[in-house]
Protein backbone atom coordinates (compact mmCIF):
# COMPACT_ATOMS: atom_id res chain seq x y z
CA MET A 1 0.01 -0.01 -0.01
CA LEU A 2 1.22 3.51 -0.79
CA LYS A 3 2.29 5.50 2.25
CA LEU A 4 1.27 8.96 3.36
CA SER A 5 3.40 11.96 4.09
CA ILE A 6 1.42 13.79 6.78
CA ILE A 7 2.35 17.45 7.14
CA ILE A 8 1.35 19.26 10.33
CA PRO A 9 2.06 23.00 10.71
CA VAL A 10 2.32 24.07 14.37
CA LEU A 11 2.87 27.13 16.49
CA ASN A 12 2.66 26.52 20.22
CA GLU A 13 0.54 23.41 19.88
CA GLU A 14 1.99 21.20 22.63
CA THR A 15 -1.42 20.36 24.08
CA CYS A 16 -2.84 19.27 20.72
CA LEU A 17 0.24 17.16 19.97
CA ILE A 18 -0.06 15.45 23.34
CA ASN A 19 -3.77 14.78 22.80
CA ASN A 20 -3.10 13.42 19.29
CA GLN A 21 0.06 11.43 20.08
CA GLU A 22 -1.47 7.96 20.11
CA LYS A 23 -2.99 8.47 16.67
CA LEU A 24 0.28 9.84 15.35
CA LYS A 25 2.31 6.96 16.81
CA SER A 26 -0.09 4.48 15.20
CA LEU A 27 0.39 6.11 11.80
CA LEU A 28 4.17 6.03 12.25
CA ALA A 29 4.01 2.36 13.23
CA ASP A 30 2.19 1.68 9.95
CA GLY A 31 5.07 3.19 8.02
CA HIS A 32 3.66 6.59 7.22
CA GLU A 33 5.80 9.72 7.38
CA ILE A 34 4.86 12.61 9.70
CA LEU A 35 6.48 16.00 9.33
CA VAL A 36 5.82 18.60 12.02
CA ILE A 37 6.69 22.03 10.65
CA ASP A 38 7.16 24.40 13.58
CA GLY A 39 6.88 28.15 13.09
CA GLY A 40 8.98 29.10 16.12
CA SER A 41 6.98 27.72 19.08
CA GLN A 42 7.78 29.01 22.55
CA ASP A 43 6.31 25.93 24.22
CA LYS A 44 7.37 22.26 24.04
CA SER A 45 5.86 21.53 20.60
CA VAL A 46 9.17 20.56 19.03
CA LYS A 47 10.26 18.43 21.95
CA ILE A 48 6.91 16.56 22.03
CA ALA A 49 6.92 16.01 18.23
CA ASN A 50 10.42 14.57 18.42
CA ALA A 51 9.43 12.32 21.31
CA ILE A 52 6.51 10.98 19.28
CA GLY A 53 8.88 10.15 16.44
CA CYS A 54 7.92 12.82 13.92
CA LYS A 55 10.38 14.50 11.60
CA THR A 56 10.54 18.07 12.89
CA LEU A 57 11.55 21.10 10.83
CA ILE A 58 11.61 24.73 11.93
CA THR A 59 10.62 27.60 9.64
CA LYS A 60 9.11 31.06 9.86
CA ALA A 61 5.53 31.35 11.16
CA SER A 62 3.34 31.41 8.05
CA ARG A 63 0.97 28.52 7.64
CA GLY A 64 1.13 28.43 3.85
CA TYR A 65 4.92 28.57 3.91
CA GLN A 66 5.07 25.86 6.59
CA LEU A 67 2.80 23.54 4.58
CA HIS A 68 4.75 24.00 1.37
CA PHE A 69 8.05 23.60 3.17
CA GLY A 70 6.81 20.32 4.56
CA ALA A 71 5.65 19.11 1.16
CA LYS A 72 9.05 19.88 -0.37
CA HIS A 73 10.80 17.85 2.35
CA SER A 74 8.37 14.90 2.23
CA LYS A 75 9.07 11.63 0.42
CA ASN A 76 5.80 9.83 -0.23
CA GLU A 77 3.37 9.98 -3.15
CA LEU A 78 0.28 10.92 -1.13
CA LEU A 79 0.31 14.14 0.86
CA LEU A 80 -2.05 14.78 3.77
CA PHE A 81 -2.15 18.26 5.30
CA LEU A 82 -3.38 18.02 8.87
CA HIS A 83 -4.06 20.62 11.56
CA ALA A 84 -2.57 19.75 14.95
CA ASP A 85 -6.00 19.89 16.63
CA THR A 86 -7.66 17.54 14.13
CA LEU A 87 -8.05 13.79 14.69
CA LEU A 88 -8.13 11.43 11.72
CA PRO A 89 -10.38 8.35 11.49
CA SER A 90 -8.50 5.14 12.26
CA ASN A 91 -8.65 3.97 8.66
CA ALA A 92 -7.71 7.35 7.10
CA ALA A 93 -4.80 5.98 5.05
CA GLU A 94 -6.95 3.30 3.44
CA LEU A 95 -9.72 5.79 2.69
CA ILE A 96 -7.29 8.21 1.03
CA LEU A 97 -5.64 5.49 -1.02
CA GLN A 98 -9.01 4.24 -2.21
CA ALA A 99 -10.16 7.78 -3.05
CA LEU A 100 -7.03 8.62 -5.09
CA THR A 101 -6.50 5.28 -6.84
CA PRO A 102 -8.43 6.32 -10.00
CA THR A 103 -6.01 8.22 -12.22
CA ASN A 104 -8.42 11.11 -12.73
CA ASN A 105 -8.77 11.72 -8.96
CA HIS A 106 -6.17 14.22 -7.75
CA TRP A 107 -7.22 15.53 -4.35
CA GLY A 108 -9.89 15.48 -1.72
CA ARG A 109 -10.92 15.98 1.86
CA PHE A 110 -12.88 14.50 4.76
CA ASN A 111 -16.08 15.75 6.28
CA ILE A 112 -15.55 17.68 9.46
CA LYS A 113 -17.07 17.04 12.89
CA PHE A 114 -16.37 19.17 15.98
CA SER A 115 -15.15 17.83 19.30
CA ASN A 116 -18.03 19.53 21.13
CA PRO A 117 -21.16 17.32 20.73
CA ASN A 118 -23.57 20.26 21.21
CA LEU A 119 -26.16 20.48 18.46
CA VAL A 120 -25.04 23.92 17.31
CA PHE A 121 -21.60 22.53 16.39
CA SER A 122 -23.21 19.69 14.43
CA VAL A 123 -25.21 22.25 12.47
CA VAL A 124 -22.12 24.37 11.78
CA ALA A 125 -20.21 21.29 10.61
CA TRP A 126 -23.09 20.26 8.31
CA PHE A 127 -23.08 23.65 6.62
CA MET A 128 -19.28 23.64 6.30
CA ASN A 129 -19.33 20.24 4.62
CA LYS A 130 -22.21 21.18 2.33
CA ARG A 131 -20.56 24.49 1.34
CA SER A 132 -17.30 22.67 0.57
CA TYR A 133 -19.12 20.14 -1.59
CA LEU A 134 -20.98 22.81 -3.56
CA THR A 135 -18.04 25.19 -4.04
CA ALA A 136 -15.17 22.67 -4.31
CA ILE A 137 -13.29 24.80 -1.76
CA VAL A 138 -11.60 22.80 0.99
CA THR A 139 -10.54 24.28 4.33
CA GLY A 140 -7.49 23.12 6.24
CA ASP A 141 -9.46 21.63 9.10
CA GLN A 142 -11.05 19.12 6.65
CA ALA A 143 -7.70 17.34 6.27
CA MET A 144 -6.90 18.00 2.62
CA PHE A 145 -5.07 15.19 0.78
CA ILE A 146 -3.38 15.52 -2.63
CA LYS A 147 -1.35 13.37 -4.97
CA ARG A 148 2.24 14.57 -4.90
CA ASP A 149 2.50 15.29 -8.66
CA SER A 150 -0.79 17.19 -8.64
CA TYR A 151 0.36 19.27 -5.65
CA PHE A 152 3.50 20.51 -7.34
CA ILE A 153 1.88 20.94 -10.76
CA CYS A 154 -0.61 23.41 -9.25
CA GLY A 155 2.20 25.29 -7.50
CA GLY A 156 1.52 24.10 -3.97
CA PHE A 157 0.45 26.25 -1.02
CA PRO A 158 1.26 29.94 -1.40
CA ASP A 159 3.25 31.77 1.29
CA PHE A 160 0.07 33.07 2.95
CA PRO A 161 -0.36 33.25 6.74
CA ILE A 162 -4.11 32.71 6.20
CA MET A 163 -6.41 31.71 3.29
CA GLU A 164 -3.72 29.44 1.89
CA ASP A 165 -6.30 26.62 1.76
CA ILE A 166 -8.73 28.75 -0.24
CA GLU A 167 -6.05 29.71 -2.77
CA ILE A 168 -4.78 26.16 -3.38
CA SER A 169 -8.38 24.91 -3.70
CA LYS A 170 -8.95 27.45 -6.46
CA ARG A 171 -5.92 26.10 -8.29
CA LEU A 172 -6.68 22.42 -7.75
CA LYS A 173 -10.28 22.57 -8.80
CA MET A 174 -9.17 23.80 -12.22
CA MET A 175 -7.46 20.39 -12.50
CA ALA A 176 -10.29 18.32 -11.01
CA LEU A 177 -13.04 18.53 -8.43
CA PRO A 178 -12.13 17.27 -4.94
CA ILE A 179 -13.17 13.84 -3.67
CA CYS A 180 -15.44 14.63 -0.74
CA LEU A 181 -15.37 11.73 1.70
CA SER A 182 -18.31 11.33 4.06
CA ASP A 183 -15.94 9.90 6.70
CA GLU A 184 -15.24 12.42 9.42
CA VAL A 185 -12.22 14.03 11.02
CA ILE A 186 -12.78 15.50 14.45
CA SER A 187 -11.64 19.09 14.77
CA SER A 188 -11.27 20.97 18.04
CA SER A 189 -14.11 23.38 18.75
CA ARG A 190 -11.90 25.50 21.03
CA LYS A 191 -11.86 28.56 18.77
CA TRP A 192 -15.64 28.49 18.36
CA GLU A 193 -16.18 28.04 22.10
CA THR A 194 -13.80 30.88 23.01
CA GLN A 195 -14.95 33.43 20.44
CA GLY A 196 -18.58 32.41 20.13
CA VAL A 197 -20.20 30.54 17.24
CA LEU A 198 -22.02 33.45 15.60
CA LYS A 199 -19.08 35.82 16.03
CA THR A 200 -16.69 33.26 14.51
CA ILE A 201 -18.96 32.64 11.51
CA ILE A 202 -19.32 36.38 10.84
CA LYS A 203 -15.58 36.94 11.18
CA MET A 204 -14.64 34.09 8.83
CA TRP A 205 -17.09 35.22 6.14
CA CYS A 206 -15.87 38.80 6.42
CA LEU A 207 -12.27 37.62 6.06
CA ARG A 208 -13.16 35.55 3.02
CA LEU A 209 -14.98 38.46 1.43
CA MET A 210 -11.99 40.74 2.00
CA PHE A 211 -9.69 38.08 0.55
CA PHE A 212 -11.76 37.79 -2.62
CA LEU A 213 -11.76 41.59 -2.83
CA GLY A 214 -7.97 41.57 -2.83
CA VAL A 215 -7.07 42.54 0.71
CA SER A 216 -3.57 41.20 1.54
CA THR A 217 -3.37 38.04 3.61
CA GLU A 218 -1.00 39.81 6.04
CA LYS A 219 -3.71 42.31 6.90
CA LEU A 220 -6.28 39.49 7.16
CA ALA A 221 -3.98 37.55 9.49
CA LYS A 222 -3.86 40.51 11.89
CA SER A 223 -7.67 40.61 11.98
CA TYR A 224 -7.82 36.83 12.46
């Protein structure tokens, strides 16, 4: 079976790495590669990633740059871009391989589910998954996966601190529509709980609108 290169950008994510360590160790034991790309953490993120057995690289703090840096230093034919606070299903590798086996399938994503079981988070997740399906735009917390050749043909992630997932989706969907798996990744609801669901939704849509209107991602990152 083809192996994954799993690329995780981090910045002060020691808690998430600790919470996710058993899943990561299991993936490593199955022969997959995990690259943790640290943007200059002040906590123990690097130490924990090394203890888990991940390949750890340190770069500047820009999520798009970190993701692309990881892709350039990876070795396997299937790339999976994973947020540190997102948990994969136990059979994620098999699902990705099956999804990308047809030659005309180039990339895809999972459905998202939030860690908080409250109904409001289930509703938000449903709308996020439906919007992604209808627009062919994949967000980073949906665990985007891409064939290596397709990734580099489209130019990879841009050096954006934010909206890098929107930009690469625009490029990739010109090549092919994403494979939208119904299987779920579990993403932390911490941001939504801290900032408030409605406030977070409004902020994200405002940021996207400004991005499409040409506002620089550096300015957007400050607002984010």
